[in-house]
Amino acid sequence: MHCYDCFKEGTENTAVAVCVDCGAGVCTRHLHDEPEPVRRSSATGRVWSPHDARRMVCLVCHESLRQNRH
């Protein structure tokens, strides 16, 4: 799979991840990875995991979501 953003720029690079929001293949140059807290349901309510998961998003989705948080 190739990076979609590189394709739009007229170049070709191998994708190393898939954006969890839009599904585009993403190379290291167009990738933003961030920690994602994990919580699970239990008999006493929600419990937060001591370890974060990884969230891989393309830069387009990262910028779009970041603007919506403010």
PDB file of N, CA and C in Angstrom:
ATOM      1  N   MET A   1       0.847  -1.167   0.000  1.00  0.00           N
ATOM      2  CA  MET A   1       0.000   0.000   0.000  1.00  0.00           C
ATOM      3  C   MET A   1       0.896   1.235   0.000  1.00  0.00           C
ATOM      4  N   HIS A   2       0.447   2.256  -0.712  1.00  0.00           N
ATOM      5  CA  HIS A   2       1.191   3.508  -0.782  1.00  0.00           C
ATOM      6  C   HIS A   2       0.465   4.604  -0.003  1.00  0.00           C
ATOM      7  N   CYS A   3       1.220   5.623   0.369  1.00  0.00           N
ATOM      8  CA  CYS A   3       0.681   6.763   1.106  1.00  0.00           C
ATOM      9  C   CYS A   3      -0.230   7.584   0.191  1.00  0.00           C
ATOM     10  N   TYR A   4      -1.427   7.849   0.654  1.00  0.00           N
ATOM     11  CA  TYR A   4      -2.389   8.606  -0.141  1.00  0.00           C
ATOM     12  C   TYR A   4      -1.960  10.063  -0.312  1.00  0.00           C
ATOM     13  N   ASP A   5      -1.440  10.676   0.746  1.00  0.00           N
ATOM     14  CA  ASP A   5      -1.031  12.080   0.643  1.00  0.00           C
ATOM     15  C   ASP A   5       0.161  12.249  -0.289  1.00  0.00           C
ATOM     16  N   CYS A   6       1.093  11.301  -0.293  1.00  0.00           N
ATOM     17  CA  CYS A   6       2.206  11.352  -1.250  1.00  0.00           C
ATOM     18  C   CYS A   6       1.679  11.222  -2.678  1.00  0.00           C
ATOM     19  N   PHE A   7       0.717  10.331  -2.876  1.00  0.00           N
ATOM     20  CA  PHE A   7       0.097  10.163  -4.189  1.00  0.00           C
ATOM     21  C   PHE A   7      -0.490  11.484  -4.678  1.00  0.00           C
ATOM     22  N   LYS A   8      -1.183  12.207  -3.793  1.00  0.00           N
ATOM     23  CA  LYS A   8      -1.761  13.499  -4.167  1.00  0.00           C
ATOM     24  C   LYS A   8      -0.682  14.519  -4.501  1.00  0.00           C
ATOM     25  N   GLU A   9       0.512  14.379  -3.913  1.00  0.00           N
ATOM     26  CA  GLU A   9       1.631  15.279  -4.194  1.00  0.00           C
ATOM     27  C   GLU A   9       2.417  14.863  -5.436  1.00  0.00           C
ATOM     28  N   GLY A  10       2.082  13.701  -6.001  1.00  0.00           N
ATOM     29  CA  GLY A  10       2.766  13.229  -7.197  1.00  0.00           C
ATOM     30  C   GLY A  10       3.991  12.379  -6.922  1.00  0.00           C
ATOM     31  N   THR A  11       4.139  11.901  -5.688  1.00  0.00           N
ATOM     32  CA  THR A  11       5.248  11.011  -5.340  1.00  0.00           C
ATOM     33  C   THR A  11       4.692   9.672  -4.877  1.00  0.00           C
ATOM     34  N   GLU A  12       5.578   8.732  -4.639  1.00  0.00           N
ATOM     35  CA  GLU A  12       5.151   7.400  -4.214  1.00  0.00           C
ATOM     36  C   GLU A  12       6.013   6.940  -3.043  1.00  0.00           C
ATOM     37  N   ASN A  13       5.377   6.732  -1.895  1.00  0.00           N
ATOM     38  CA  ASN A  13       6.051   6.208  -0.709  1.00  0.00           C
ATOM     39  C   ASN A  13       5.203   5.111  -0.095  1.00  0.00           C
ATOM     40  N   THR A  14       5.857   4.163   0.509  1.00  0.00           N
ATOM     41  CA  THR A  14       5.168   3.051   1.153  1.00  0.00           C
ATOM     42  C   THR A  14       4.452   3.528   2.408  1.00  0.00           C
ATOM     43  N   ALA A  15       3.217   3.103   2.573  1.00  0.00           N
ATOM     44  CA  ALA A  15       2.464   3.412   3.788  1.00  0.00           C
ATOM     45  C   ALA A  15       2.949   2.514   4.922  1.00  0.00           C
ATOM     46  N   VAL A  16       3.049   3.079   6.115  1.00  0.00           N
ATOM     47  CA  VAL A  16       3.456   2.311   7.291  1.00  0.00           C
ATOM     48  C   VAL A  16       2.301   2.145   8.270  1.00  0.00           C
ATOM     49  N   ALA A  17       1.199   2.847   8.019  1.00  0.00           N
ATOM     50  CA  ALA A  17       0.032   2.775   8.899  1.00  0.00           C
ATOM     51  C   ALA A  17      -1.207   3.163   8.106  1.00  0.00           C
ATOM     52  N   VAL A  18      -2.351   2.949   8.729  1.00  0.00           N
ATOM     53  CA  VAL A  18      -3.636   3.352   8.161  1.00  0.00           C
ATOM     54  C   VAL A  18      -4.287   4.311   9.150  1.00  0.00           C
ATOM     55  N   CYS A  19      -4.748   5.435   8.673  1.00  0.00           N
ATOM     56  CA  CYS A  19      -5.400   6.420   9.533  1.00  0.00           C
ATOM     57  C   CYS A  19      -6.682   5.816  10.109  1.00  0.00           C
ATOM     58  N   VAL A  20      -6.836   5.883  11.439  1.00  0.00           N
ATOM     59  CA  VAL A  20      -8.014   5.304  12.074  1.00  0.00           C
ATOM     60  C   VAL A  20      -9.276   6.113  11.801  1.00  0.00           C
ATOM     61  N   ASP A  21      -9.132   7.344  11.344  1.00  0.00           N
ATOM     62  CA  ASP A  21     -10.311   8.173  11.089  1.00  0.00           C
ATOM     63  C   ASP A  21     -10.798   8.101   9.646  1.00  0.00           C
ATOM     64  N   CYS A  22      -9.891   8.242   8.672  1.00  0.00           N
ATOM     65  CA  CYS A  22     -10.334   8.267   7.270  1.00  0.00           C
ATOM     66  C   CYS A  22      -9.962   7.004   6.496  1.00  0.00           C
ATOM     67  N   GLY A  23      -9.068   6.177   7.033  1.00  0.00           N
ATOM     68  CA  GLY A  23      -8.698   4.928   6.377  1.00  0.00           C
ATOM     69  C   GLY A  23      -7.616   5.048   5.324  1.00  0.00           C
ATOM     70  N   ALA A  24      -7.024   6.225   5.167  1.00  0.00           N
ATOM     71  CA  ALA A  24      -5.970   6.413   4.163  1.00  0.00           C
ATOM     72  C   ALA A  24      -4.680   5.739   4.608  1.00  0.00           C
ATOM     73  N   GLY A  25      -3.945   5.192   3.640  1.00  0.00           N
ATOM     74  CA  GLY A  25      -2.599   4.710   3.910  1.00  0.00           C
ATOM     75  C   GLY A  25      -1.701   5.910   4.158  1.00  0.00           C
ATOM     76  N   VAL A  26      -0.794   5.803   5.141  1.00  0.00           N
ATOM     77  CA  VAL A  26       0.014   6.948   5.553  1.00  0.00           C
ATOM     78  C   VAL A  26       1.481   6.545   5.690  1.00  0.00           C
ATOM     79  N   CYS A  27       2.380   7.362   5.130  1.00  0.00           N
ATOM     80  CA  CYS A  27       3.824   7.146   5.293  1.00  0.00           C
ATOM     81  C   CYS A  27       4.290   7.852   6.571  1.00  0.00           C
ATOM     82  N   THR A  28       5.552   7.687   6.920  1.00  0.00           N
ATOM     83  CA  THR A  28       6.072   8.302   8.147  1.00  0.00           C
ATOM     84  C   THR A  28       6.040   9.829   8.096  1.00  0.00           C
ATOM     85  N   ARG A  29       6.141  10.406   6.924  1.00  0.00           N
ATOM     86  CA  ARG A  29       6.129  11.869   6.795  1.00  0.00           C
ATOM     87  C   ARG A  29       4.736  12.462   7.028  1.00  0.00           C
ATOM     88  N   HIS A  30       3.706  11.714   6.713  1.00  0.00           N
ATOM     89  CA  HIS A  30       2.333  12.204   6.850  1.00  0.00           C
ATOM     90  C   HIS A  30       1.598  11.592   8.045  1.00  0.00           C
ATOM     91  N   LEU A  31       2.322  10.993   8.956  1.00  0.00           N
ATOM     92  CA  LEU A  31       1.731  10.270  10.084  1.00  0.00           C
ATOM     93  C   LEU A  31       1.863  11.058  11.378  1.00  0.00           C
ATOM     94  N   HIS A  32       0.814  11.049  12.164  1.00  0.00           N
ATOM     95  CA  HIS A  32       0.872  11.558  13.539  1.00  0.00           C
ATOM     96  C   HIS A  32       0.403  10.420  14.437  1.00  0.00           C
ATOM     97  N   ASP A  33       1.273  10.011  15.364  1.00  0.00           N
ATOM     98  CA  ASP A  33       0.842   8.986  16.322  1.00  0.00           C
ATOM     99  C   ASP A  33       0.784   9.625  17.698  1.00  0.00           C
ATOM    100  N   GLU A  34      -0.232   9.239  18.430  1.00  0.00           N
ATOM    101  CA  GLU A  34      -0.451   9.823  19.743  1.00  0.00           C
ATOM    102  C   GLU A  34      -0.956   8.747  20.692  1.00  0.00           C
ATOM    103  N   PRO A  35      -0.735   8.926  21.984  1.00  0.00           N
ATOM    104  CA  PRO A  35      -1.257   7.956  22.943  1.00  0.00           C
ATOM    105  C   PRO A  35      -2.776   8.097  23.062  1.00  0.00           C
ATOM    106  N   GLU A  36      -3.426   6.983  23.300  1.00  0.00           N
ATOM    107  CA  GLU A  36      -4.874   7.004  23.507  1.00  0.00           C
ATOM    108  C   GLU A  36      -5.190   6.249  24.787  1.00  0.00           C
ATOM    109  N   PRO A  37      -5.765   6.928  25.772  1.00  0.00           N
ATOM    110  CA  PRO A  37      -6.122   6.245  27.015  1.00  0.00           C
ATOM    111  C   PRO A  37      -7.123   5.123  26.748  1.00  0.00           C
ATOM    112  N   VAL A  38      -6.987   4.048  27.482  1.00  0.00           N
ATOM    113  CA  VAL A  38      -7.861   2.886  27.314  1.00  0.00           C
ATOM    114  C   VAL A  38      -8.655   2.690  28.598  1.00  0.00           C
ATOM    115  N   ARG A  39      -9.952   2.541  28.456  1.00  0.00           N
ATOM    116  CA  ARG A  39     -10.765   2.234  29.632  1.00  0.00           C
ATOM    117  C   ARG A  39     -11.606   1.006  29.347  1.00  0.00           C
ATOM    118  N   ARG A  40     -11.820   0.269  30.381  1.00  0.00           N
ATOM    119  CA  ARG A  40     -12.597  -0.969  30.273  1.00  0.00           C
ATOM    120  C   ARG A  40     -13.752  -0.913  31.257  1.00  0.00           C
ATOM    121  N   SER A  41     -14.808  -1.600  30.916  1.00  0.00           N
ATOM    122  CA  SER A  41     -15.935  -1.704  31.837  1.00  0.00           C
ATOM    123  C   SER A  41     -15.667  -2.826  32.819  1.00  0.00           C
ATOM    124  N   SER A  42     -16.056  -2.602  34.053  1.00  0.00           N
ATOM    125  CA  SER A  42     -15.940  -3.644  35.072  1.00  0.00           C
ATOM    126  C   SER A  42     -17.197  -3.594  35.933  1.00  0.00           C
ATOM    127  N   ALA A  43     -17.292  -4.483  36.876  1.00  0.00           N
ATOM    128  CA  ALA A  43     -18.471  -4.532  37.738  1.00  0.00           C
ATOM    129  C   ALA A  43     -18.636  -3.247  38.549  1.00  0.00           C
ATOM    130  N   THR A  44     -17.539  -2.565  38.822  1.00  0.00           N
ATOM    131  CA  THR A  44     -17.600  -1.342  39.629  1.00  0.00           C
ATOM    132  C   THR A  44     -17.621  -0.071  38.786  1.00  0.00           C
ATOM    133  N   GLY A  45     -17.689  -0.198  37.496  1.00  0.00           N
ATOM    134  CA  GLY A  45     -17.704   0.963  36.609  1.00  0.00           C
ATOM    135  C   GLY A  45     -16.590   0.889  35.592  1.00  0.00           C
ATOM    136  N   ARG A  46     -16.139   2.042  35.137  1.00  0.00           N
ATOM    137  CA  ARG A  46     -15.064   2.089  34.141  1.00  0.00           C
ATOM    138  C   ARG A  46     -13.715   2.154  34.836  1.00  0.00           C
ATOM    139  N   VAL A  47     -12.791   1.388  34.302  1.00  0.00           N
ATOM    140  CA  VAL A  47     -11.437   1.341  34.849  1.00  0.00           C
ATOM    141  C   VAL A  47     -10.467   1.756  33.758  1.00  0.00           C
ATOM    142  N   TRP A  48      -9.571   2.693  34.072  1.00  0.00           N
ATOM    143  CA  TRP A  48      -8.558   3.136  33.112  1.00  0.00           C
ATOM    144  C   TRP A  48      -7.370   2.204  33.158  1.00  0.00           C
ATOM    145  N   SER A  49      -6.898   1.799  31.992  1.00  0.00           N
ATOM    146  CA  SER A  49      -5.710   0.955  31.896  1.00  0.00           C
ATOM    147  C   SER A  49      -4.480   1.784  32.256  1.00  0.00           C
ATOM    148  N   PRO A  50      -3.484   1.176  32.903  1.00  0.00           N
ATOM    149  CA  PRO A  50      -2.261   1.922  33.211  1.00  0.00           C
ATOM    150  C   PRO A  50      -1.415   2.209  31.969  1.00  0.00           C
ATOM    151  N   HIS A  51      -1.732   1.570  30.860  1.00  0.00           N
ATOM    152  CA  HIS A  51      -0.968   1.746  29.623  1.00  0.00           C
ATOM    153  C   HIS A  51      -1.869   2.330  28.539  1.00  0.00           C
ATOM    154  N   ASP A  52      -1.326   3.265  27.786  1.00  0.00           N
ATOM    155  CA  ASP A  52      -2.059   3.849  26.665  1.00  0.00           C
ATOM    156  C   ASP A  52      -1.905   2.990  25.420  1.00  0.00           C
ATOM    157  N   ALA A  53      -2.897   3.049  24.550  1.00  0.00           N
ATOM    158  CA  ALA A  53      -2.812   2.432  23.229  1.00  0.00           C
ATOM    159  C   ALA A  53      -2.205   3.461  22.275  1.00  0.00           C
ATOM    160  N   ARG A  54      -1.920   3.037  21.060  1.00  0.00           N
ATOM    161  CA  ARG A  54      -1.438   3.975  20.035  1.00  0.00           C
ATOM    162  C   ARG A  54      -2.592   4.345  19.122  1.00  0.00           C
ATOM    163  N   ARG A  55      -2.638   5.591  18.729  1.00  0.00           N
ATOM    164  CA  ARG A  55      -3.639   6.073  17.775  1.00  0.00           C
ATOM    165  C   ARG A  55      -2.881   6.668  16.602  1.00  0.00           C
ATOM    166  N   MET A  56      -3.054   6.073  15.421  1.00  0.00           N
ATOM    167  CA  MET A  56      -2.366   6.517  14.213  1.00  0.00           C
ATOM    168  C   MET A  56      -3.344   7.289  13.332  1.00  0.00           C
ATOM    169  N   VAL A  57      -3.007   8.540  13.045  1.00  0.00           N
ATOM    170  CA  VAL A  57      -3.857   9.362  12.191  1.00  0.00           C
ATOM    171  C   VAL A  57      -3.006  10.097  11.164  1.00  0.00           C
ATOM    172  N   CYS A  58      -3.614  10.390  10.025  1.00  0.00           N
ATOM    173  CA  CYS A  58      -2.918  11.200   9.021  1.00  0.00           C
ATOM    174  C   CYS A  58      -2.899  12.647   9.507  1.00  0.00           C
ATOM    175  N   LEU A  59      -2.051  13.460   8.917  1.00  0.00           N
ATOM    176  CA  LEU A  59      -1.931  14.853   9.345  1.00  0.00           C
ATOM    177  C   LEU A  59      -3.195  15.657   9.055  1.00  0.00           C
ATOM    178  N   VAL A  60      -3.912  15.298   7.994  1.00  0.00           N
ATOM    179  CA  VAL A  60      -5.162  15.998   7.662  1.00  0.00           C
ATOM    180  C   VAL A  60      -6.187  15.791   8.774  1.00  0.00           C
ATOM    181  N   CYS A  61      -6.385  14.547   9.185  1.00  0.00           N
ATOM    182  CA  CYS A  61      -7.346  14.261  10.259  1.00  0.00           C
ATOM    183  C   CYS A  61      -6.859  14.829  11.588  1.00  0.00           C
ATOM    184  N   HIS A  62      -5.566  14.750  11.851  1.00  0.00           N
ATOM    185  CA  HIS A  62      -5.023  15.294  13.100  1.00  0.00           C
ATOM    186  C   HIS A  62      -5.309  16.790  13.201  1.00  0.00           C
ATOM    187  N   GLU A  63      -5.045  17.537  12.147  1.00  0.00           N
ATOM    188  CA  GLU A  63      -5.295  18.982  12.165  1.00  0.00           C
ATOM    189  C   GLU A  63      -6.787  19.285  12.293  1.00  0.00           C
ATOM    190  N   SER A  64      -7.611  18.528  11.602  1.00  0.00           N
ATOM    191  CA  SER A  64      -9.054  18.738  11.657  1.00  0.00           C
ATOM    192  C   SER A  64      -9.593  18.478  13.059  1.00  0.00           C
ATOM    193  N   LEU A  65      -9.170  17.378  13.666  1.00  0.00           N
ATOM    194  CA  LEU A  65      -9.643  17.035  15.006  1.00  0.00           C
ATOM    195  C   LEU A  65      -9.085  17.992  16.046  1.00  0.00           C
ATOM    196  N   ARG A  66      -7.856  18.442  15.869  1.00  0.00           N
ATOM    197  CA  ARG A  66      -7.232  19.365  16.818  1.00  0.00           C
ATOM    198  C   ARG A  66      -7.966  20.703  16.821  1.00  0.00           C
ATOM    199  N   GLN A  67      -8.395  21.170  15.662  1.00  0.00           N
ATOM    200  CA  GLN A  67      -9.131  22.435  15.577  1.00  0.00           C
ATOM    201  C   GLN A  67     -10.481  22.333  16.267  1.00  0.00           C
ATOM    202  N   ASN A  68     -11.100  21.157  16.209  1.00  0.00           N
ATOM    203  CA  ASN A  68     -12.415  20.971  16.828  1.00  0.00           C
ATOM    204  C   ASN A  68     -12.338  20.892  18.345  1.00  0.00           C
ATOM    205  N   ARG A  69     -11.157  20.653  18.900  1.00  0.00           N
ATOM    206  CA  ARG A  69     -11.008  20.546  20.357  1.00  0.00           C
ATOM    207  C   ARG A  69     -10.945  21.906  21.032  1.00  0.00           C
ATOM    208  N   HIS A  70     -10.678  22.959  20.282  1.00  0.00           N
ATOM    209  CA  HIS A  70     -10.513  24.294  20.891  1.00  0.00           C
ATOM    210  C   HIS A  70     -11.804  25.062  20.866  1.00  0.00           C
TER     211      HIS A  70
END
